[in-house]
Protein backbone atom coordinates (compact mmCIF):
# COMPACT_ATOMS: atom_id res chain seq x y z
CA MET A 1 116.99 128.84 91.02
CA LYS A 2 115.69 125.62 92.59
CA ASN A 3 117.78 122.48 92.80
CA TYR A 4 116.45 119.11 91.65
CA LYS A 5 114.98 116.90 94.38
CA SER A 6 113.78 113.32 94.32
CA LYS A 7 112.80 110.53 96.68
CA HIS A 8 115.36 107.84 97.40
CA ILE A 9 114.61 104.44 98.92
CA ASN A 10 117.45 102.73 100.76
CA PRO A 11 117.64 99.20 99.27
CA GLU A 12 118.70 97.68 102.61
CA THR A 13 116.27 99.34 105.04
CA PHE A 14 113.57 100.47 102.57
CA GLU A 15 113.65 103.84 104.31
CA GLU A 16 112.42 106.62 102.05
CA LYS A 17 113.89 110.11 102.14
CA GLU A 18 114.10 113.12 99.87
CA ILE A 19 117.48 113.93 98.34
CA GLU A 20 118.37 117.36 96.98
CA THR A 21 121.08 117.65 94.37
CA LEU A 22 123.13 120.73 93.54
CA ILE A 23 121.87 120.57 89.94
CA PRO A 24 119.20 123.11 88.89
CA THR A 25 115.76 121.63 88.18
CA SER A 26 115.61 123.47 84.84
CA ILE A 27 118.67 121.58 83.55
CA VAL A 28 117.25 118.20 84.61
CA GLU A 29 113.85 118.95 83.06
CA ASN A 30 115.40 120.12 79.76
CA VAL A 31 117.55 116.98 79.47
CA LYS A 32 114.54 114.81 80.37
CA ASN A 33 112.37 116.50 77.71
CA SER A 34 115.11 116.11 75.11
CA LEU A 35 115.50 112.41 75.85
CA ASN A 36 111.74 111.87 75.71
CA GLY A 37 111.82 113.42 72.22
CA LEU A 38 114.05 110.66 70.85
CA GLY A 39 111.04 108.84 69.41
CA GLU A 40 109.48 105.44 69.78
CA GLU A 41 112.71 103.56 69.06
CA PHE A 42 114.03 104.48 72.53
CA MET A 43 112.59 104.12 76.02
CA VAL A 44 113.79 106.45 78.78
CA THR A 45 113.88 105.07 82.32
CA PRO A 46 112.69 107.09 85.31
CA THR A 47 115.07 109.71 86.66
CA MET A 48 117.33 108.48 89.47
CA ILE A 49 119.70 110.23 91.84
CA ASN A 50 122.95 108.55 92.83
CA PRO A 51 123.11 109.12 96.61
CA ASP A 52 126.91 108.81 96.61
CA ASP A 53 127.69 111.79 94.36
CA LEU A 54 124.19 113.36 93.93
CA SER A 55 124.35 113.01 90.15
CA VAL A 56 121.11 112.69 88.18
CA VAL A 57 120.98 109.59 85.97
CA PHE A 58 118.72 108.59 83.07
CA GLY A 59 118.76 105.28 81.26
CA VAL A 60 117.97 104.96 77.54
CA ILE A 61 117.08 101.57 76.06
CA GLU A 62 116.53 100.67 72.41
CA THR A 63 113.04 99.22 71.94
CA ASP A 64 113.75 97.35 68.67
CA ILE A 65 113.46 93.66 69.60
CA ASN A 66 115.56 92.69 66.57
CA SER A 67 118.56 94.65 67.83
CA SER A 68 120.88 93.74 70.66
CA ARG A 69 118.87 96.12 72.89
CA LEU A 70 121.63 98.59 73.50
CA LYS A 71 121.49 100.46 76.78
CA TYR A 72 122.84 103.93 77.39
CA LYS A 73 123.40 105.93 80.56
CA VAL A 74 123.02 109.71 80.62
CA SER A 75 124.37 111.36 83.75
CA ILE A 76 124.33 114.96 84.93
CA SER A 77 126.85 115.72 87.64
CA LEU A 78 128.38 118.76 89.21
CA GLN A 79 131.94 119.42 88.07
CA LYS A 80 134.16 120.56 90.89
């Protein structure tokens, strides 16, 4: 079982490095596919890794311009 990896850019130094989480890639991909299946009324942001706790984070934004443009955060983290 492979763990999810992603590139991270330090906002202060702009140094790029690869971060590996302890979360299996299959879980991240299944959640990502499920979120992308929400339909056109929602936009899913790119996958991000929080370098502090190595959680995987997705953002979900309502695309209806007549609404208050609600924003949601979906996070996958390792429970210790």
